[in-house]
Amino acid sequence: MEITLQIASDDKCLELFGPGDENLRIVRNRCGVQITARNGNIGLKGKSQDVKKAAEIIELMQKHLVKFGRVDKDDVISLMGKLKIDMESDQGTTIKVFSPKKSIAPYTKGQKRYIEAMLKSDLTFCTGPAGTGKTYLAVAVAVAMLKKKQIRKIVLARPAVEAGEKLGFLPGDLQAKVNPYLRPLFDSLEDMMEFEQMRRFIDMDIIEVIPLAFMRGRTLNEAVIICDEAQNTSSSQMMMFLTRMGRGSKMIITGDTTQIDLDKGVKSGMLDAMETLGNIDGISLIGLDETDIVRHNLVQSIVQAYEARKKKHS
């Protein structure tokens, strides 16, 4: 079989092909097809199934390039793992953030379902392994709502639970001790707006990034309130957090229930809340899995290997 694909933008050929045609070589080697590129077209030749697979990958690469302005070898490898995804059906869930060069869209059907749940429900629980975009997409939805003036405030909270290292052993005052726990939330924010704008919103108290304990006694109106790493909350902490919701607010609770760092015998407040509240209208429960992982392609293999070992020893 032989087909010809038209390159969407001639001036983006170098970015699409990669340094020394690296991206095309990856597609060629993985799909087992011949690839030629000339005059704004890409020619594919080989077995019918292989050519169709290569064509789909190249189309996804072009869409990725248009959305993010770049496509490197890691992006190509990641896209290869997402061939089952119908990207056209995801256009309605594209999220516009403050960064003029960035729009955020789901890579998988699970992520699409997650975004739709956050937009529809006032309270959303999302579980899933590392790299599935639980926190990143929650922050993106919050930032998009702030941009549209649908809310007045974003609150990002995390429990300060140690994973092998005690807070008391870390240097500095309380703020210095909790900052490492909050860093992933800052990283997500920095990807969606200019650093100075983020700092200005924080100084104006429009965005708060705080330890979960600082939520006690508050009522938050017209806000998106996110609890990240919620698998490490106790039942009482989770109830405290959930009852902070005020008028016109949304809550999003995210966590990886395979990485609970609570003391032995202490039940996760996230699991307890999902069991208790799961049948209430207006509450969504979303579960992502290893097929939704969009980090480095090795992350999916790592998660699967640990899951296989866990099942073997259970």
Protein backbone atom coordinates (compact mmCIF):
# COMPACT_ATOMS: atom_id res chain seq x y z
CA MET A 1 0.00 0.00 0.00
CA GLU A 2 1.21 3.53 -0.76
CA ILE A 3 -0.35 6.83 0.30
CA THR A 4 0.64 10.51 0.37
CA LEU A 5 -0.05 12.86 3.28
CA GLN A 6 -0.06 16.63 2.90
CA ILE A 7 1.88 18.57 5.50
CA ALA A 8 -0.44 21.13 7.08
CA SER A 9 2.18 23.90 7.23
CA ASP A 10 5.29 23.97 5.01
CA ASP A 11 7.18 26.25 7.39
CA LYS A 12 6.77 23.68 10.20
CA CYS A 13 8.44 20.80 8.35
CA LEU A 14 11.66 20.97 10.39
CA GLU A 15 9.74 20.86 13.68
CA LEU A 16 7.53 18.03 12.44
CA PHE A 17 10.40 15.92 11.09
CA GLY A 18 12.69 16.57 14.09
CA PRO A 19 16.47 17.12 14.13
CA GLY A 20 17.98 15.08 11.28
CA ASP A 21 14.47 13.67 10.55
CA GLU A 22 14.57 11.96 13.96
CA ASN A 23 10.78 11.94 14.39
CA LEU A 24 10.21 10.36 10.98
CA ARG A 25 12.84 7.73 11.68
CA ILE A 26 11.03 6.73 14.87
CA VAL A 27 7.77 6.33 12.94
CA ARG A 28 9.55 4.40 10.18
CA ASN A 29 11.27 2.02 12.58
CA ARG A 30 8.26 1.39 14.81
CA CYS A 31 5.76 0.92 11.96
CA GLY A 32 8.06 -0.80 9.47
CA VAL A 33 7.22 1.49 6.54
CA GLN A 34 9.17 3.47 3.97
CA ILE A 35 8.87 7.24 4.38
CA THR A 36 9.75 9.92 1.83
CA ALA A 37 9.23 13.64 2.25
CA ARG A 38 9.25 16.18 -0.57
CA ASN A 39 7.35 19.25 -1.78
CA GLY A 40 5.24 19.55 1.34
CA ASN A 41 4.10 15.92 1.24
CA ILE A 42 4.99 12.74 3.13
CA GLY A 43 4.88 9.45 1.23
CA LEU A 44 4.23 6.19 3.09
CA LYS A 45 4.76 2.74 1.60
CA GLY A 46 4.42 -0.71 3.13
CA LYS A 47 1.86 -3.19 4.38
CA SER A 48 -1.67 -1.78 4.55
CA GLN A 49 -2.01 -2.01 8.34
CA ASP A 50 1.46 -0.53 8.93
CA VAL A 51 0.85 2.38 6.54
CA LYS A 52 -2.50 3.22 8.18
CA LYS A 53 -0.84 3.18 11.61
CA ALA A 54 2.01 5.44 10.45
CA ALA A 55 -0.45 7.84 8.79
CA GLU A 56 -2.45 8.14 12.00
CA ILE A 57 0.69 8.82 14.03
CA ILE A 58 1.81 11.56 11.64
CA GLU A 59 -1.64 13.16 11.78
CA LEU A 60 -1.46 13.18 15.59
CA MET A 61 2.04 14.67 15.38
CA GLN A 62 0.73 17.50 13.19
CA LYS A 63 -2.12 18.23 15.61
CA HIS A 64 0.29 18.19 18.54
CA LEU A 65 2.58 20.62 16.70
CA VAL A 66 -0.30 23.01 16.01
CA LYS A 67 -1.46 22.93 19.65
CA PHE A 68 1.89 23.14 21.42
CA GLY A 69 4.25 24.61 18.84
CA ARG A 70 6.67 21.69 19.07
CA VAL A 71 6.88 17.93 18.75
CA ASP A 72 9.95 16.03 19.93
CA LYS A 73 10.87 12.34 20.04
CA ASP A 74 9.25 11.83 23.47
CA ASP A 75 6.03 13.37 22.14
CA VAL A 76 6.11 11.02 19.15
CA ILE A 77 6.59 7.97 21.37
CA SER A 78 3.80 9.13 23.67
CA LEU A 79 1.45 9.69 20.74
CA MET A 80 2.16 6.18 19.51
CA GLY A 81 0.70 4.87 22.74
CA LYS A 82 -2.51 6.82 22.18
CA LEU A 83 -3.58 5.53 18.79
CA LYS A 84 -6.91 4.31 20.14
CA ILE A 85 -7.88 7.90 20.94
CA ASP A 86 -10.20 9.79 18.62
CA MET A 87 -8.67 13.27 18.94
CA GLU A 88 -11.42 14.93 16.90
CA SER A 89 -13.99 14.01 19.55
CA ASP A 90 -11.92 15.84 22.19
CA GLN A 91 -12.07 19.31 20.65
CA GLY A 92 -15.05 20.35 22.81
CA THR A 93 -12.99 19.83 25.97
CA THR A 94 -10.03 22.01 24.99
CA ILE A 95 -9.18 24.33 27.90
CA LYS A 96 -8.04 27.91 27.33
CA VAL A 97 -5.64 29.17 30.00
CA PHE A 98 -3.86 32.50 30.48
CA SER A 99 -0.78 31.55 28.45
CA PRO A 100 -1.45 32.81 24.89
CA LYS A 101 0.72 30.04 23.41
CA LYS A 102 -1.00 27.17 25.17
CA SER A 103 -4.33 25.39 25.11
CA ILE A 104 -4.85 22.18 27.03
CA ALA A 105 -6.77 19.23 25.61
CA PRO A 106 -7.25 15.65 26.78
CA TYR A 107 -4.97 13.02 25.31
CA THR A 108 -7.14 10.06 26.28
CA LYS A 109 -10.82 9.19 26.59
CA GLY A 110 -10.37 8.92 30.35
CA GLN A 111 -8.99 12.45 30.54
CA LYS A 112 -11.86 13.71 28.38
CA ARG A 113 -14.37 12.08 30.74
CA TYR A 114 -12.53 13.70 33.69
CA ILE A 115 -12.70 17.21 32.21
CA GLU A 116 -16.38 16.80 31.38
CA ALA A 117 -17.07 15.66 34.95
CA MET A 118 -15.27 18.67 36.46
CA LEU A 119 -17.20 21.08 34.25
CA LYS A 120 -20.54 19.41 35.01
CA SER A 121 -20.28 18.53 38.71
CA ASP A 122 -19.70 20.72 41.75
CA LEU A 123 -17.72 17.93 43.44
CA THR A 124 -15.42 15.56 41.54
CA PHE A 125 -13.22 12.77 42.87
CA CYS A 126 -10.48 11.51 40.53
CA THR A 127 -8.20 8.57 41.25
CA GLY A 128 -5.38 7.28 39.07
CA PRO A 129 -1.66 6.46 38.94
CA ALA A 130 1.18 8.94 38.44
CA GLY A 131 1.26 10.71 35.09
CA THR A 132 -2.45 10.57 34.24
CA GLY A 133 -2.93 14.34 34.54
CA LYS A 134 -5.14 14.32 37.63
CA THR A 135 -3.66 17.46 39.18
CA TYR A 136 -2.66 19.19 35.95
CA LEU A 137 -6.13 19.02 34.39
CA ALA A 138 -7.82 20.06 37.65
CA VAL A 139 -5.61 23.16 37.82
CA ALA A 140 -6.26 23.83 34.12
CA VAL A 141 -10.04 23.79 34.64
CA ALA A 142 -9.67 26.12 37.64
CA VAL A 143 -7.45 28.56 35.72
CA ALA A 144 -9.84 28.53 32.73
CA MET A 145 -12.79 29.35 35.00
CA LEU A 146 -10.80 32.18 36.61
CA LYS A 147 -9.94 33.55 33.18
CA LYS A 148 -13.65 33.52 32.21
CA LYS A 149 -14.51 35.24 35.54
CA GLN A 150 -16.75 32.31 36.48
CA ILE A 151 -15.00 32.25 39.88
CA ARG A 152 -13.10 34.77 41.99
CA LYS A 153 -10.54 32.50 43.63
CA ILE A 154 -8.52 29.29 43.29
CA VAL A 155 -7.43 27.34 46.37
CA LEU A 156 -4.94 24.49 45.93
CA ALA A 157 -4.36 22.34 49.01
CA ARG A 158 -2.27 19.29 49.85
CA PRO A 159 -1.87 17.25 53.03
CA ALA A 160 1.68 17.48 54.34
CA VAL A 161 2.18 13.75 54.82
CA GLU A 162 5.74 12.42 54.75
CA ALA A 163 6.73 9.66 52.33
CA GLY A 164 9.79 8.32 54.13
CA GLU A 165 11.19 11.61 55.45
CA LYS A 166 9.96 13.53 58.48
CA LEU A 167 9.13 17.24 58.24
CA GLY A 168 11.18 17.90 61.34
CA PHE A 169 14.35 16.80 59.56
CA LEU A 170 13.95 19.43 56.83
CA PRO A 171 15.68 22.81 57.30
CA GLY A 172 13.92 26.16 57.71
CA ASP A 173 10.70 27.53 59.20
CA LEU A 174 7.19 26.09 58.67
CA GLN A 175 6.79 27.68 55.23
CA ALA A 176 10.13 26.28 54.07
CA LYS A 177 9.14 22.85 55.38
CA VAL A 178 5.80 22.69 53.52
CA ASN A 179 6.97 24.25 50.24
CA PRO A 180 8.31 20.93 48.85
CA TYR A 181 4.83 19.43 49.27
CA LEU A 182 3.24 22.30 47.34
CA ARG A 183 5.83 22.50 44.54
CA PRO A 184 3.88 20.31 42.06
CA LEU A 185 0.94 22.71 42.29
CA PHE A 186 3.19 25.70 41.55
CA ASP A 187 4.66 23.79 38.59
CA SER A 188 1.21 23.31 37.09
CA LEU A 189 0.32 26.98 37.55
CA GLU A 190 3.58 28.16 35.96
CA ASP A 191 2.73 26.15 32.85
CA MET A 192 -0.56 28.03 32.42
CA MET A 193 0.37 31.67 33.01
CA GLU A 194 3.38 33.94 33.13
CA PHE A 195 5.38 33.75 36.35
CA GLU A 196 4.77 37.42 37.19
CA GLN A 197 1.05 37.02 36.68
CA MET A 198 1.03 34.00 38.97
CA ARG A 199 2.94 35.88 41.65
CA ARG A 200 0.53 38.82 41.32
CA PHE A 201 -2.52 36.55 41.73
CA ILE A 202 -0.91 34.96 44.79
CA ASP A 203 -0.07 38.36 46.31
CA MET A 204 -3.67 39.50 45.69
CA ASP A 205 -4.98 36.30 47.34
CA ILE A 206 -6.74 35.28 44.11
CA ILE A 207 -4.69 32.06 44.11
CA GLU A 208 -3.79 30.26 47.34
CA VAL A 209 -1.45 27.26 47.47
CA ILE A 210 -1.58 25.98 51.04
CA PRO A 211 -1.23 22.91 53.27
CA LEU A 212 -4.57 21.23 53.92
CA ALA A 213 -4.42 22.07 57.65
CA PHE A 214 -4.75 25.78 56.78
CA MET A 215 -8.29 25.17 55.43
CA ARG A 216 -9.89 24.68 58.84
CA GLY A 217 -12.62 27.17 59.81
CA ARG A 218 -13.07 28.73 56.35
CA THR A 219 -15.99 28.99 53.94
CA LEU A 220 -14.99 29.53 50.31
CA ASN A 221 -17.51 31.11 47.94
CA GLU A 222 -17.16 31.42 44.13
CA ALA A 223 -13.97 29.38 44.11
CA VAL A 224 -12.45 26.25 42.68
CA ILE A 225 -10.97 24.32 45.59
CA ILE A 226 -8.58 21.46 44.77
CA CYS A 227 -7.28 18.87 47.21
CA ASP A 228 -4.30 17.09 45.69
CA GLU A 229 -2.72 13.86 47.03
CA ALA A 230 -6.02 13.32 48.85
CA GLN A 231 -5.30 9.62 49.38
CA ASN A 232 -3.17 10.83 52.31
CA THR A 233 -6.02 12.55 54.17
CA SER A 234 -7.71 11.03 57.18
CA SER A 235 -11.50 10.77 57.27
CA SER A 236 -11.75 13.76 59.61
CA GLN A 237 -9.46 15.86 57.39
CA MET A 238 -11.51 15.00 54.31
CA MET A 239 -14.78 15.89 56.03
CA MET A 240 -13.22 19.18 57.16
CA PHE A 241 -12.12 19.91 53.60
CA LEU A 242 -15.46 19.01 51.98
CA THR A 243 -17.41 21.26 54.33
CA ARG A 244 -15.40 24.33 53.26
CA MET A 245 -17.44 24.55 50.02
CA GLY A 246 -19.46 27.76 49.76
CA ARG A 247 -21.87 29.28 47.24
CA GLY A 248 -20.89 29.07 43.57
CA SER A 249 -17.88 26.87 44.26
CA LYS A 250 -16.48 23.65 42.83
CA MET A 251 -14.32 21.08 44.57
CA ILE A 252 -11.93 18.65 42.89
CA ILE A 253 -10.27 15.89 44.92
CA THR A 254 -7.41 13.96 43.31
CA GLY A 255 -5.24 11.10 44.50
CA ASP A 256 -3.43 7.87 43.74
CA THR A 257 -4.91 5.20 46.00
CA THR A 258 -1.96 2.89 45.33
CA GLN A 259 0.38 5.34 47.09
CA ILE A 260 -1.13 5.86 50.54
CA ASP A 261 1.47 7.07 53.07
CA LEU A 262 -0.77 7.09 56.14
CA ASP A 263 0.12 5.12 59.25
CA LYS A 264 -0.83 1.45 59.14
CA GLY A 265 -4.48 0.94 60.05
CA VAL A 266 -5.55 4.51 59.16
CA LYS A 267 -8.15 4.48 56.37
CA SER A 268 -7.73 6.99 53.56
CA GLY A 269 -10.22 9.84 53.86
CA MET A 270 -10.50 9.92 50.07
CA LEU A 271 -11.56 6.27 49.84
CA ASP A 272 -13.92 6.73 52.78
CA ALA A 273 -15.55 9.79 51.17
CA MET A 274 -15.97 8.08 47.80
CA GLU A 275 -17.69 5.12 49.48
CA THR A 276 -19.92 7.39 51.57
CA LEU A 277 -20.85 10.02 48.98
CA GLY A 278 -20.68 8.14 45.68
CA ASN A 279 -24.46 7.93 45.14
CA ILE A 280 -25.23 11.63 45.73
CA ASP A 281 -26.38 13.63 42.71
CA GLY A 282 -23.91 16.32 41.68
CA ILE A 283 -20.88 14.26 42.71
CA SER A 284 -18.72 12.56 40.05
CA LEU A 285 -16.28 9.70 40.63
CA ILE A 286 -13.64 9.31 37.89
CA GLY A 287 -11.06 6.55 37.73
CA LEU A 288 -8.04 6.88 35.43
CA ASP A 289 -5.64 4.00 34.77
CA GLU A 290 -2.29 3.26 33.12
CA THR A 291 -3.77 3.78 29.64
CA ASP A 292 -4.26 7.45 30.57
CA ILE A 293 -0.60 8.06 31.45
CA VAL A 294 0.85 10.87 29.31
CA ARG A 295 4.30 11.36 30.81
CA HIS A 296 7.43 9.73 29.42
CA ASN A 297 6.51 6.47 27.70
CA LEU A 298 8.46 4.51 30.34
CA VAL A 299 6.09 5.67 33.11
CA GLN A 300 3.30 3.49 31.75
CA SER A 301 5.64 0.46 31.70
CA ILE A 302 6.81 1.21 35.25
CA VAL A 303 3.24 1.40 36.58
CA GLN A 304 2.28 -1.81 34.80
CA ALA A 305 5.34 -3.64 36.17
CA TYR A 306 4.53 -2.66 39.76
CA GLU A 307 0.87 -3.62 39.30
CA ALA A 308 1.89 -7.02 37.91
CA ARG A 309 4.20 -7.65 40.87
CA LYS A 310 1.48 -6.58 43.31
CA LYS A 311 -1.01 -9.03 41.78
CA LYS A 312 1.60 -11.81 41.78
CA HIS A 313 2.22 -11.44 45.52
CA SER A 314 -1.38 -10.84 46.56
